[in-house]
């Protein structure tokens, strides 16, 4: 099983359009178009899972740099997700939400 990263996608790209593009090179198990949590709009990249490594390598070779809706695709094997050490707490223990900056009183 190989997980492929597909970048520089047109924001109008759909799961089915990506699937049909990759199915030319083998069996596609899953397509995940990444969307913005707040707006639900596509973020311009997706992940494609293919069970056969040889087929996945063919898809990478054939599709990397090719044009899809006026954009040159960036296709490569996805790197495993790493823990960046960033939590959702705004940069300070206990939250805070102001990016770790200390709150200052007004000067006047």
PDB file of N, CA and C in Angstrom:
ATOM      1  N   UNK A   1       0.847  -1.183   0.000  1.00  0.00           N
ATOM      2  CA  UNK A   1       0.000   0.000   0.000  1.00  0.00           C
ATOM      3  C   UNK A   1       0.885   1.236   0.000  1.00  0.00           C
ATOM      4  N   UNK A   2       0.611   2.141  -0.933  1.00  0.00           N
ATOM      5  CA  UNK A   2       1.332   3.407  -0.986  1.00  0.00           C
ATOM      6  C   UNK A   2       0.337   4.544  -0.888  1.00  0.00           C
ATOM      7  N   UNK A   3       0.714   5.532  -0.104  1.00  0.00           N
ATOM      8  CA  UNK A   3      -0.080   6.738   0.039  1.00  0.00           C
ATOM      9  C   UNK A   3       0.629   7.835  -0.743  1.00  0.00           C
ATOM     10  N   UNK A   4      -0.060   8.414  -1.715  1.00  0.00           N
ATOM     11  CA  UNK A   4       0.534   9.426  -2.568  1.00  0.00           C
ATOM     12  C   UNK A   4      -0.004  10.804  -2.218  1.00  0.00           C
ATOM     13  N   UNK A   5       0.896  11.780  -2.231  1.00  0.00           N
ATOM     14  CA  UNK A   5       0.520  13.170  -2.044  1.00  0.00           C
ATOM     15  C   UNK A   5       0.319  13.792  -3.420  1.00  0.00           C
ATOM     16  N   UNK A   6      -0.781  14.503  -3.601  1.00  0.00           N
ATOM     17  CA  UNK A   6      -1.068  15.184  -4.865  1.00  0.00           C
ATOM     18  C   UNK A   6      -1.255  16.659  -4.534  1.00  0.00           C
ATOM     19  N   UNK A   7      -0.297  17.473  -4.943  1.00  0.00           N
ATOM     20  CA  UNK A   7      -0.343  18.894  -4.625  1.00  0.00           C
ATOM     21  C   UNK A   7      -0.566  19.756  -5.848  1.00  0.00           C
ATOM     22  N   UNK A   8      -0.802  21.034  -5.596  1.00  0.00           N
ATOM     23  CA  UNK A   8      -1.051  22.053  -6.622  1.00  0.00           C
ATOM     24  C   UNK A   8      -2.324  21.760  -7.415  1.00  0.00           C
ATOM     25  N   UNK A   9      -3.307  21.188  -6.729  1.00  0.00           N
ATOM     26  CA  UNK A   9      -4.588  20.895  -7.368  1.00  0.00           C
ATOM     27  C   UNK A   9      -5.407  22.166  -7.529  1.00  0.00           C
ATOM     28  N   UNK A  10      -6.186  22.207  -8.580  1.00  0.00           N
ATOM     29  CA  UNK A  10      -7.181  23.241  -8.751  1.00  0.00           C
ATOM     30  C   UNK A  10      -8.189  23.083  -7.606  1.00  0.00           C
ATOM     31  N   UNK A  11      -8.645  24.188  -7.041  1.00  0.00           N
ATOM     32  CA  UNK A  11      -9.559  24.104  -5.903  1.00  0.00           C
ATOM     33  C   UNK A  11     -10.898  23.461  -6.272  1.00  0.00           C
ATOM     34  N   UNK A  12     -11.195  23.369  -7.552  1.00  0.00           N
ATOM     35  CA  UNK A  12     -12.436  22.749  -8.002  1.00  0.00           C
ATOM     36  C   UNK A  12     -12.280  21.243  -8.236  1.00  0.00           C
ATOM     37  N   UNK A  13     -11.089  20.695  -8.049  1.00  0.00           N
ATOM     38  CA  UNK A  13     -10.863  19.259  -8.256  1.00  0.00           C
ATOM     39  C   UNK A  13     -11.712  18.460  -7.270  1.00  0.00           C
ATOM     40  N   UNK A  14     -12.286  17.369  -7.768  1.00  0.00           N
ATOM     41  CA  UNK A  14     -13.137  16.524  -6.933  1.00  0.00           C
ATOM     42  C   UNK A  14     -12.489  15.167  -6.727  1.00  0.00           C
ATOM     43  N   UNK A  15     -13.030  14.440  -5.770  1.00  0.00           N
ATOM     44  CA  UNK A  15     -12.549  13.086  -5.508  1.00  0.00           C
ATOM     45  C   UNK A  15     -12.662  12.229  -6.764  1.00  0.00           C
ATOM     46  N   UNK A  16     -13.781  12.324  -7.470  1.00  0.00           N
ATOM     47  CA  UNK A  16     -13.977  11.485  -8.656  1.00  0.00           C
ATOM     48  C   UNK A  16     -13.044  11.875  -9.798  1.00  0.00           C
ATOM     49  N   UNK A  17     -12.755  13.157  -9.976  1.00  0.00           N
ATOM     50  CA  UNK A  17     -11.840  13.550 -11.052  1.00  0.00           C
ATOM     51  C   UNK A  17     -10.411  13.080 -10.765  1.00  0.00           C
ATOM     52  N   UNK A  18     -10.015  13.121  -9.502  1.00  0.00           N
ATOM     53  CA  UNK A  18      -8.679  12.644  -9.118  1.00  0.00           C
ATOM     54  C   UNK A  18      -8.620  11.130  -9.254  1.00  0.00           C
ATOM     55  N   UNK A  19      -9.667  10.456  -8.801  1.00  0.00           N
ATOM     56  CA  UNK A  19      -9.720   8.990  -8.899  1.00  0.00           C
ATOM     57  C   UNK A  19      -9.594   8.545 -10.357  1.00  0.00           C
ATOM     58  N   UNK A  20     -10.347   9.175 -11.254  1.00  0.00           N
ATOM     59  CA  UNK A  20     -10.302   8.754 -12.659  1.00  0.00           C
ATOM     60  C   UNK A  20      -8.930   9.009 -13.280  1.00  0.00           C
ATOM     61  N   UNK A  21      -8.249  10.053 -12.837  1.00  0.00           N
ATOM     62  CA  UNK A  21      -6.902  10.338 -13.329  1.00  0.00           C
ATOM     63  C   UNK A  21      -5.927   9.232 -12.909  1.00  0.00           C
ATOM     64  N   UNK A  22      -6.004   8.806 -11.657  1.00  0.00           N
ATOM     65  CA  UNK A  22      -5.070   7.807 -11.134  1.00  0.00           C
ATOM     66  C   UNK A  22      -5.437   6.381 -11.534  1.00  0.00           C
ATOM     67  N   UNK A  23      -6.711   6.109 -11.788  1.00  0.00           N
ATOM     68  CA  UNK A  23      -7.120   4.758 -12.167  1.00  0.00           C
ATOM     69  C   UNK A  23      -6.554   4.326 -13.515  1.00  0.00           C
ATOM     70  N   UNK A  24      -6.047   5.256 -14.281  1.00  0.00           N
ATOM     71  CA  UNK A  24      -5.390   4.902 -15.542  1.00  0.00           C
ATOM     72  C   UNK A  24      -4.123   4.083 -15.291  1.00  0.00           C
ATOM     73  N   UNK A  25      -3.597   4.141 -14.073  1.00  0.00           N
ATOM     74  CA  UNK A  25      -2.338   3.470 -13.747  1.00  0.00           C
ATOM     75  C   UNK A  25      -2.503   2.314 -12.777  1.00  0.00           C
ATOM     76  N   UNK A  26      -3.714   2.092 -12.269  1.00  0.00           N
ATOM     77  CA  UNK A  26      -3.931   0.971 -11.373  1.00  0.00           C
ATOM     78  C   UNK A  26      -5.138   1.198 -10.479  1.00  0.00           C
ATOM     79  N   UNK A  27      -5.295   0.299  -9.537  1.00  0.00           N
ATOM     80  CA  UNK A  27      -6.441   0.336  -8.632  1.00  0.00           C
ATOM     81  C   UNK A  27      -6.238   1.391  -7.561  1.00  0.00           C
ATOM     82  N   UNK A  28      -7.225   2.253  -7.423  1.00  0.00           N
ATOM     83  CA  UNK A  28      -7.201   3.297  -6.400  1.00  0.00           C
ATOM     84  C   UNK A  28      -8.102   2.844  -5.255  1.00  0.00           C
ATOM     85  N   UNK A  29      -7.521   2.735  -4.066  1.00  0.00           N
ATOM     86  CA  UNK A  29      -8.291   2.292  -2.905  1.00  0.00           C
ATOM     87  C   UNK A  29      -9.060   3.433  -2.255  1.00  0.00           C
ATOM     88  N   UNK A  30      -8.427   4.618  -2.228  1.00  0.00           N
ATOM     89  CA  UNK A  30      -9.059   5.728  -1.526  1.00  0.00           C
ATOM     90  C   UNK A  30      -8.507   7.046  -2.030  1.00  0.00           C
ATOM     91  N   UNK A  31      -9.367   8.066  -2.090  1.00  0.00           N
ATOM     92  CA  UNK A  31      -8.958   9.430  -2.421  1.00  0.00           C
ATOM     93  C   UNK A  31      -9.472  10.334  -1.308  1.00  0.00           C
ATOM     94  N   UNK A  32      -8.597  11.177  -0.772  1.00  0.00           N
ATOM     95  CA  UNK A  32      -8.983  12.101   0.286  1.00  0.00           C
ATOM     96  C   UNK A  32      -8.582  13.514  -0.132  1.00  0.00           C
ATOM     97  N   UNK A  33      -9.572  14.309  -0.541  1.00  0.00           N
ATOM     98  CA  UNK A  33      -9.325  15.714  -0.870  1.00  0.00           C
ATOM     99  C   UNK A  33      -9.361  16.485   0.446  1.00  0.00           C
ATOM    100  N   UNK A  34      -8.274  17.165   0.775  1.00  0.00           N
ATOM    101  CA  UNK A  34      -8.175  17.871   2.051  1.00  0.00           C
ATOM    102  C   UNK A  34      -8.912  19.204   1.948  1.00  0.00           C
ATOM    103  N   UNK A  35      -9.783  19.438   2.939  1.00  0.00           N
ATOM    104  CA  UNK A  35     -10.589  20.661   2.945  1.00  0.00           C
ATOM    105  C   UNK A  35     -10.323  21.478   4.200  1.00  0.00           C
ATOM    106  N   UNK A  36     -10.602  22.750   4.101  1.00  0.00           N
ATOM    107  CA  UNK A  36     -10.468  23.655   5.239  1.00  0.00           C
ATOM    108  C   UNK A  36     -11.568  23.343   6.249  1.00  0.00           C
ATOM    109  N   UNK A  37     -11.219  23.271   7.516  1.00  0.00           N
ATOM    110  CA  UNK A  37     -12.190  22.920   8.550  1.00  0.00           C
ATOM    111  C   UNK A  37     -13.309  23.943   8.678  1.00  0.00           C
ATOM    112  N   UNK A  38     -12.957  25.208   8.563  1.00  0.00           N
ATOM    113  CA  UNK A  38     -13.944  26.255   8.788  1.00  0.00           C
ATOM    114  C   UNK A  38     -14.842  26.503   7.578  1.00  0.00           C
ATOM    115  N   UNK A  39     -14.250  26.514   6.373  1.00  0.00           N
ATOM    116  CA  UNK A  39     -15.033  26.868   5.187  1.00  0.00           C
ATOM    117  C   UNK A  39     -15.517  25.659   4.406  1.00  0.00           C
ATOM    118  N   UNK A  40     -14.854  24.507   4.580  1.00  0.00           N
ATOM    119  CA  UNK A  40     -15.211  23.319   3.817  1.00  0.00           C
ATOM    120  C   UNK A  40     -14.667  23.347   2.402  1.00  0.00           C
ATOM    121  N   UNK A  41     -13.928  24.391   2.058  1.00  0.00           N
ATOM    122  CA  UNK A  41     -13.364  24.545   0.719  1.00  0.00           C
ATOM    123  C   UNK A  41     -12.079  23.724   0.592  1.00  0.00           C
ATOM    124  N   UNK A  42     -11.860  23.158  -0.600  1.00  0.00           N
ATOM    125  CA  UNK A  42     -10.646  22.372  -0.841  1.00  0.00           C
ATOM    126  C   UNK A  42      -9.410  23.242  -0.622  1.00  0.00           C
ATOM    127  N   UNK A  43      -8.341  22.623  -0.109  1.00  0.00           N
ATOM    128  CA  UNK A  43      -7.113  23.355   0.182  1.00  0.00           C
ATOM    129  C   UNK A  43      -6.058  23.214  -0.913  1.00  0.00           C
ATOM    130  N   UNK A  44      -6.372  22.496  -1.983  1.00  0.00           N
ATOM    131  CA  UNK A  44      -5.440  22.403  -3.099  1.00  0.00           C
ATOM    132  C   UNK A  44      -4.529  21.195  -3.075  1.00  0.00           C
ATOM    133  N   UNK A  45      -4.806  20.243  -2.194  1.00  0.00           N
ATOM    134  CA  UNK A  45      -4.033  19.003  -2.212  1.00  0.00           C
ATOM    135  C   UNK A  45      -4.897  17.843  -1.748  1.00  0.00           C
ATOM    136  N   UNK A  46      -4.417  16.631  -2.074  1.00  0.00           N
ATOM    137  CA  UNK A  46      -5.171  15.429  -1.748  1.00  0.00           C
ATOM    138  C   UNK A  46      -4.200  14.283  -1.508  1.00  0.00           C
ATOM    139  N   UNK A  47      -4.734  13.185  -0.997  1.00  0.00           N
ATOM    140  CA  UNK A  47      -3.977  11.958  -0.818  1.00  0.00           C
ATOM    141  C   UNK A  47      -4.688  10.843  -1.557  1.00  0.00           C
ATOM    142  N   UNK A  48      -3.919  10.032  -2.257  1.00  0.00           N
ATOM    143  CA  UNK A  48      -4.455   8.902  -3.020  1.00  0.00           C
ATOM    144  C   UNK A  48      -3.767   7.644  -2.512  1.00  0.00           C
ATOM    145  N   UNK A  49      -4.550   6.647  -2.128  1.00  0.00           N
ATOM    146  CA  UNK A  49      -3.995   5.366  -1.685  1.00  0.00           C
ATOM    147  C   UNK A  49      -4.147   4.341  -2.788  1.00  0.00           C
ATOM    148  N   UNK A  50      -3.028   3.689  -3.111  1.00  0.00           N
ATOM    149  CA  UNK A  50      -3.018   2.611  -4.107  1.00  0.00           C
ATOM    150  C   UNK A  50      -2.383   1.392  -3.459  1.00  0.00           C
ATOM    151  N   UNK A  51      -3.018   0.223  -3.612  1.00  0.00           N
ATOM    152  CA  UNK A  51      -2.530  -0.971  -2.923  1.00  0.00           C
ATOM    153  C   UNK A  51      -1.295  -1.572  -3.574  1.00  0.00           C
ATOM    154  N   UNK A  52      -1.121  -1.399  -4.866  1.00  0.00           N
ATOM    155  CA  UNK A  52       0.020  -1.976  -5.574  1.00  0.00           C
ATOM    156  C   UNK A  52       1.120  -0.928  -5.719  1.00  0.00           C
ATOM    157  N   UNK A  53       2.283  -1.204  -5.113  1.00  0.00           N
ATOM    158  CA  UNK A  53       3.400  -0.248  -5.136  1.00  0.00           C
ATOM    159  C   UNK A  53       3.901   0.042  -6.541  1.00  0.00           C
ATOM    160  N   UNK A  54       3.926  -0.969  -7.392  1.00  0.00           N
ATOM    161  CA  UNK A  54       4.386  -0.779  -8.768  1.00  0.00           C
ATOM    162  C   UNK A  54       3.452   0.166  -9.521  1.00  0.00           C
ATOM    163  N   UNK A  55       2.142  -0.035  -9.355  1.00  0.00           N
ATOM    164  CA  UNK A  55       1.169   0.851  -9.996  1.00  0.00           C
ATOM    165  C   UNK A  55       1.292   2.275  -9.454  1.00  0.00           C
ATOM    166  N   UNK A  56       1.516   2.401  -8.154  1.00  0.00           N
ATOM    167  CA  UNK A  56       1.667   3.719  -7.542  1.00  0.00           C
ATOM    168  C   UNK A  56       2.894   4.439  -8.100  1.00  0.00           C
ATOM    169  N   UNK A  57       3.997   3.687  -8.252  1.00  0.00           N
ATOM    170  CA  UNK A  57       5.212   4.282  -8.819  1.00  0.00           C
ATOM    171  C   UNK A  57       4.990   4.732 -10.260  1.00  0.00           C
ATOM    172  N   UNK A  58       4.232   3.948 -11.017  1.00  0.00           N
ATOM    173  CA  UNK A  58       3.894   4.341 -12.393  1.00  0.00           C
ATOM    174  C   UNK A  58       3.081   5.633 -12.406  1.00  0.00           C
ATOM    175  N   UNK A  59       2.125   5.730 -11.502  1.00  0.00           N
ATOM    176  CA  UNK A  59       1.290   6.933 -11.416  1.00  0.00           C
ATOM    177  C   UNK A  59       2.127   8.157 -11.060  1.00  0.00           C
ATOM    178  N   UNK A  60       3.065   7.998 -10.130  1.00  0.00           N
ATOM    179  CA  UNK A  60       3.946   9.105  -9.755  1.00  0.00           C
ATOM    180  C   UNK A  60       4.758   9.564 -10.960  1.00  0.00           C
ATOM    181  N   UNK A  61       5.382   8.600 -11.647  1.00  0.00           N
ATOM    182  CA  UNK A  61       6.214   8.926 -12.812  1.00  0.00           C
ATOM    183  C   UNK A  61       5.415   9.602 -13.918  1.00  0.00           C
ATOM    184  N   UNK A  62       4.212   9.106 -14.147  1.00  0.00           N
ATOM    185  CA  UNK A  62       3.410   9.619 -15.253  1.00  0.00           C
ATOM    186  C   UNK A  62       2.736  10.951 -14.942  1.00  0.00           C
ATOM    187  N   UNK A  63       2.320  11.152 -13.699  1.00  0.00           N
ATOM    188  CA  UNK A  63       1.484  12.310 -13.389  1.00  0.00           C
ATOM    189  C   UNK A  63       2.226  13.494 -12.771  1.00  0.00           C
ATOM    190  N   UNK A  64       3.391  13.279 -12.192  1.00  0.00           N
ATOM    191  CA  UNK A  64       4.123  14.384 -11.586  1.00  0.00           C
ATOM    192  C   UNK A  64       4.504  15.405 -12.661  1.00  0.00           C
ATOM    193  N   UNK A  65       4.045  16.626 -12.498  1.00  0.00           N
ATOM    194  CA  UNK A  65       4.334  17.690 -13.443  1.00  0.00           C
ATOM    195  C   UNK A  65       3.327  17.830 -14.573  1.00  0.00           C
ATOM    196  N   UNK A  66       2.377  16.899 -14.666  1.00  0.00           N
ATOM    197  CA  UNK A  66       1.383  16.998 -15.742  1.00  0.00           C
ATOM    198  C   UNK A  66       0.330  18.048 -15.406  1.00  0.00           C
ATOM    199  N   UNK A  67      -0.339  18.514 -16.437  1.00  0.00           N
ATOM    200  CA  UNK A  67      -1.329  19.571 -16.295  1.00  0.00           C
ATOM    201  C   UNK A  67      -2.709  19.001 -15.985  1.00  0.00           C
ATOM    202  N   UNK A  68      -3.347  19.564 -14.963  1.00  0.00           N
ATOM    203  CA  UNK A  68      -4.740  19.233 -14.655  1.00  0.00           C
ATOM    204  C   UNK A  68      -5.464  20.553 -14.405  1.00  0.00           C
ATOM    205  N   UNK A  69      -6.359  20.914 -15.294  1.00  0.00           N
ATOM    206  CA  UNK A  69      -7.110  22.164 -15.189  1.00  0.00           C
ATOM    207  C   UNK A  69      -6.196  23.390 -15.099  1.00  0.00           C
ATOM    208  N   UNK A  70      -5.125  23.369 -15.886  1.00  0.00           N
ATOM    209  CA  UNK A  70      -4.239  24.526 -15.941  1.00  0.00           C
ATOM    210  C   UNK A  70      -3.193  24.606 -14.854  1.00  0.00           C
ATOM    211  N   UNK A  71      -3.047  23.551 -14.072  1.00  0.00           N
ATOM    212  CA  UNK A  71      -2.050  23.550 -12.985  1.00  0.00           C
ATOM    213  C   UNK A  71      -1.167  22.318 -13.101  1.00  0.00           C
ATOM    214  N   UNK A  72       0.133  22.506 -12.912  1.00  0.00           N
ATOM    215  CA  UNK A  72       1.082  21.392 -12.954  1.00  0.00           C
ATOM    216  C   UNK A  72       1.036  20.646 -11.621  1.00  0.00           C
ATOM    217  N   UNK A  73       0.640  19.375 -11.677  1.00  0.00           N
ATOM    218  CA  UNK A  73       0.504  18.578 -10.453  1.00  0.00           C
ATOM    219  C   UNK A  73       1.855  18.250  -9.835  1.00  0.00           C
ATOM    220  N   UNK A  74       1.862  18.175  -8.513  1.00  0.00           N
ATOM    221  CA  UNK A  74       3.018  17.729  -7.752  1.00  0.00           C
ATOM    222  C   UNK A  74       2.605  16.391  -7.131  1.00  0.00           C
ATOM    223  N   UNK A  75       3.140  15.282  -7.661  1.00  0.00           N
ATOM    224  CA  UNK A  75       2.754  13.954  -7.188  1.00  0.00           C
ATOM    225  C   UNK A  75       3.988  13.227  -6.677  1.00  0.00           C
ATOM    226  N   UNK A  76       3.933  12.788  -5.426  1.00  0.00           N
ATOM    227  CA  UNK A  76       5.027  11.989  -4.860  1.00  0.00           C
ATOM    228  C   UNK A  76       4.501  11.134  -3.720  1.00  0.00           C
ATOM    229  N   UNK A  77       5.353  10.276  -3.217  1.00  0.00           N
ATOM    230  CA  UNK A  77       4.932   9.433  -2.101  1.00  0.00           C
ATOM    231  C   UNK A  77       4.800  10.303  -0.863  1.00  0.00           C
ATOM    232  N   UNK A  78       3.681  10.159  -0.169  1.00  0.00           N
ATOM    233  CA  UNK A  78       3.429  10.968   1.025  1.00  0.00           C
ATOM    234  C   UNK A  78       4.385  10.560   2.131  1.00  0.00           C
ATOM    235  N   UNK A  79       4.878  11.551   2.831  1.00  0.00           N
ATOM    236  CA  UNK A  79       5.723  11.276   3.991  1.00  0.00           C
ATOM    237  C   UNK A  79       4.816  11.012   5.179  1.00  0.00           C
ATOM    238  N   UNK A  80       5.253  10.153   6.085  1.00  0.00           N
ATOM    239  CA  UNK A  80       4.422   9.880   7.267  1.00  0.00           C
ATOM    240  C   UNK A  80       4.203  11.159   8.072  1.00  0.00           C
ATOM    241  N   UNK A  81       3.032  11.268   8.657  1.00  0.00           N
ATOM    242  CA  UNK A  81       2.711  12.424   9.475  1.00  0.00           C
ATOM    243  C   UNK A  81       3.587  12.404  10.716  1.00  0.00           C
ATOM    244  N   UNK A  82       4.202  13.542  11.014  1.00  0.00           N
ATOM    245  CA  UNK A  82       5.055  13.621  12.198  1.00  0.00           C
ATOM    246  C   UNK A  82       4.413  14.549  13.214  1.00  0.00           C
ATOM    247  N   UNK A  83       4.761  14.329  14.470  1.00  0.00           N
ATOM    248  CA  UNK A  83       4.259  15.196  15.530  1.00  0.00           C
ATOM    249  C   UNK A  83       5.113  16.445  15.537  1.00  0.00           C
ATOM    250  N   UNK A  84       4.517  17.563  15.177  1.00  0.00           N
ATOM    251  CA  UNK A  84       5.262  18.804  15.101  1.00  0.00           C
ATOM    252  C   UNK A  84       5.459  19.430  16.469  1.00  0.00           C
ATOM    253  N   UNK A  85       4.855  18.845  17.498  1.00  0.00           N
ATOM    254  CA  UNK A  85       5.004  19.382  18.831  1.00  0.00           C
ATOM    255  C   UNK A  85       4.090  20.568  19.090  1.00  0.00           C
ATOM    256  N   UNK A  86       3.281  20.920  18.111  1.00  0.00           N
ATOM    257  CA  UNK A  86       2.382  22.058  18.280  1.00  0.00           C
ATOM    258  C   UNK A  86       1.030  21.548  18.736  1.00  0.00           C
ATOM    259  N   UNK A  87       0.595  22.059  19.827  1.00  0.00           N
ATOM    260  CA  UNK A  87      -0.727  21.718  20.306  1.00  0.00           C
ATOM    261  C   UNK A  87      -1.704  22.798  19.912  1.00  0.00           C
ATOM    262  N   UNK A  88      -2.943  22.631  20.269  1.00  0.00           N
ATOM    263  CA  UNK A  88      -3.948  23.615  19.942  1.00  0.00           C
ATOM    264  C   UNK A  88      -4.135  24.660  21.019  1.00  0.00           C
ATOM    265  N   UNK A  89      -3.154  24.819  21.905  1.00  0.00           N
ATOM    266  CA  UNK A  89      -3.344  25.690  23.060  1.00  0.00           C
ATOM    267  C   UNK A  89      -2.838  27.093  22.914  1.00  0.00           C
ATOM    268  N   UNK A  90      -2.484  27.537  21.721  1.00  0.00           N
ATOM    269  CA  UNK A  90      -2.064  28.920  21.558  1.00  0.00           C
ATOM    270  C   UNK A  90      -0.638  29.189  21.973  1.00  0.00           C
ATOM    271  N   UNK A  91       0.161  28.167  22.189  1.00  0.00           N
ATOM    272  CA  UNK A  91       1.572  28.369  22.474  1.00  0.00           C
ATOM    273  C   UNK A  91       1.918  28.449  23.941  1.00  0.00           C
ATOM    274  N   UNK A  92       0.939  28.445  24.828  1.00  0.00           N
ATOM    275  CA  UNK A  92       1.234  28.482  26.253  1.00  0.00           C
ATOM    276  C   UNK A  92       0.525  27.332  26.937  1.00  0.00           C
ATOM    277  N   UNK A  93       1.117  26.809  27.995  1.00  0.00           N
ATOM    278  CA  UNK A  93       0.395  25.786  28.748  1.00  0.00           C
ATOM    279  C   UNK A  93      -0.930  26.355  29.237  1.00  0.00           C
ATOM    280  N   UNK A  94      -1.964  25.573  29.120  1.00  0.00           N
ATOM    281  CA  UNK A  94      -3.262  26.027  29.592  1.00  0.00           C
ATOM    282  C   UNK A  94      -4.022  26.863  28.587  1.00  0.00           C
ATOM    283  N   UNK A  95      -3.554  26.898  27.359  1.00  0.00           N
ATOM    284  CA  UNK A  95      -4.301  27.641  26.338  1.00  0.00           C
ATOM    285  C   UNK A  95      -3.775  29.049  26.183  1.00  0.00           C
ATOM    286  N   UNK A  96      -4.646  30.015  26.341  1.00  0.00           N
ATOM    287  CA  UNK A  96      -4.231  31.406  26.210  1.00  0.00           C
ATOM    288  C   UNK A  96      -4.760  32.011  24.934  1.00  0.00           C
ATOM    289  N   UNK A  97      -4.500  31.373  23.811  1.00  0.00           N
ATOM    290  CA  UNK A  97      -5.073  31.797  22.551  1.00  0.00           C
ATOM    291  C   UNK A  97      -4.470  33.042  21.944  1.00  0.00           C
ATOM    292  N   UNK A  98      -3.417  33.608  22.538  1.00  0.00           N
ATOM    293  CA  UNK A  98      -2.838  34.799  21.932  1.00  0.00           C
ATOM    294  C   UNK A  98      -1.423  34.544  21.432  1.00  0.00           C
ATOM    295  N   UNK A  99      -1.157  33.296  21.035  1.00  0.00           N
ATOM    296  CA  UNK A  99       0.122  32.962  20.421  1.00  0.00           C
ATOM    297  C   UNK A  99       1.300  32.990  21.368  1.00  0.00           C
ATOM    298  N   UNK A 100       1.064  32.907  22.670  1.00  0.00           N
ATOM    299  CA  UNK A 100       2.159  32.861  23.621  1.00  0.00           C
ATOM    300  C   UNK A 100       2.630  34.225  24.080  1.00  0.00           C
ATOM    301  N   UNK A 101       2.015  35.294  23.581  1.00  0.00           N
ATOM    302  CA  UNK A 101       2.410  36.638  24.005  1.00  0.00           C
ATOM    303  C   UNK A 101       1.788  36.929  25.360  1.00  0.00           C
ATOM    304  N   UNK A 102       2.551  37.650  26.188  1.00  0.00           N
ATOM    305  CA  UNK A 102       1.993  38.028  27.461  1.00  0.00           C
ATOM    306  C   UNK A 102       1.073  39.223  27.305  1.00  0.00           C
ATOM    307  N   UNK A 103       0.043  39.221  28.069  1.00  0.00           N
ATOM    308  CA  UNK A 103      -0.894  40.345  28.024  1.00  0.00           C
ATOM    309  C   UNK A 103      -0.309  41.503  28.814  1.00  0.00           C
ATOM    310  N   UNK A 104      -0.350  42.671  28.204  1.00  0.00           N
ATOM    311  CA  UNK A 104       0.186  43.851  28.887  1.00  0.00           C
ATOM    312  C   UNK A 104      -0.935  44.826  29.174  1.00  0.00           C
ATOM    313  N   UNK A 105      -0.771  45.526  30.259  1.00  0.00           N
ATOM    314  CA  UNK A 105      -1.735  46.555  30.621  1.00  0.00           C
ATOM    315  C   UNK A 105      -1.537  47.768  29.730  1.00  0.00           C
ATOM    316  N   UNK A 106      -2.577  48.557  29.502  1.00  0.00           N
ATOM    317  CA  UNK A 106      -2.426  49.771  28.696  1.00  0.00           C
ATOM    318  C   UNK A 106      -1.423  50.719  29.327  1.00  0.00           C
ATOM    319  N   UNK A 107      -0.758  51.512  28.511  1.00  0.00           N
ATOM    320  CA  UNK A 107       0.247  52.441  29.006  1.00  0.00           C
ATOM    321  C   UNK A 107      -0.356  53.631  29.756  1.00  0.00           C
ATOM    322  N   UNK A 108      -1.550  53.979  29.469  1.00  0.00           N
ATOM    323  CA  UNK A 108      -2.128  55.181  30.092  1.00  0.00           C
ATOM    324  C   UNK A 108      -2.816  54.894  31.383  1.00  0.00           C
TER     325      UNK A 108
END
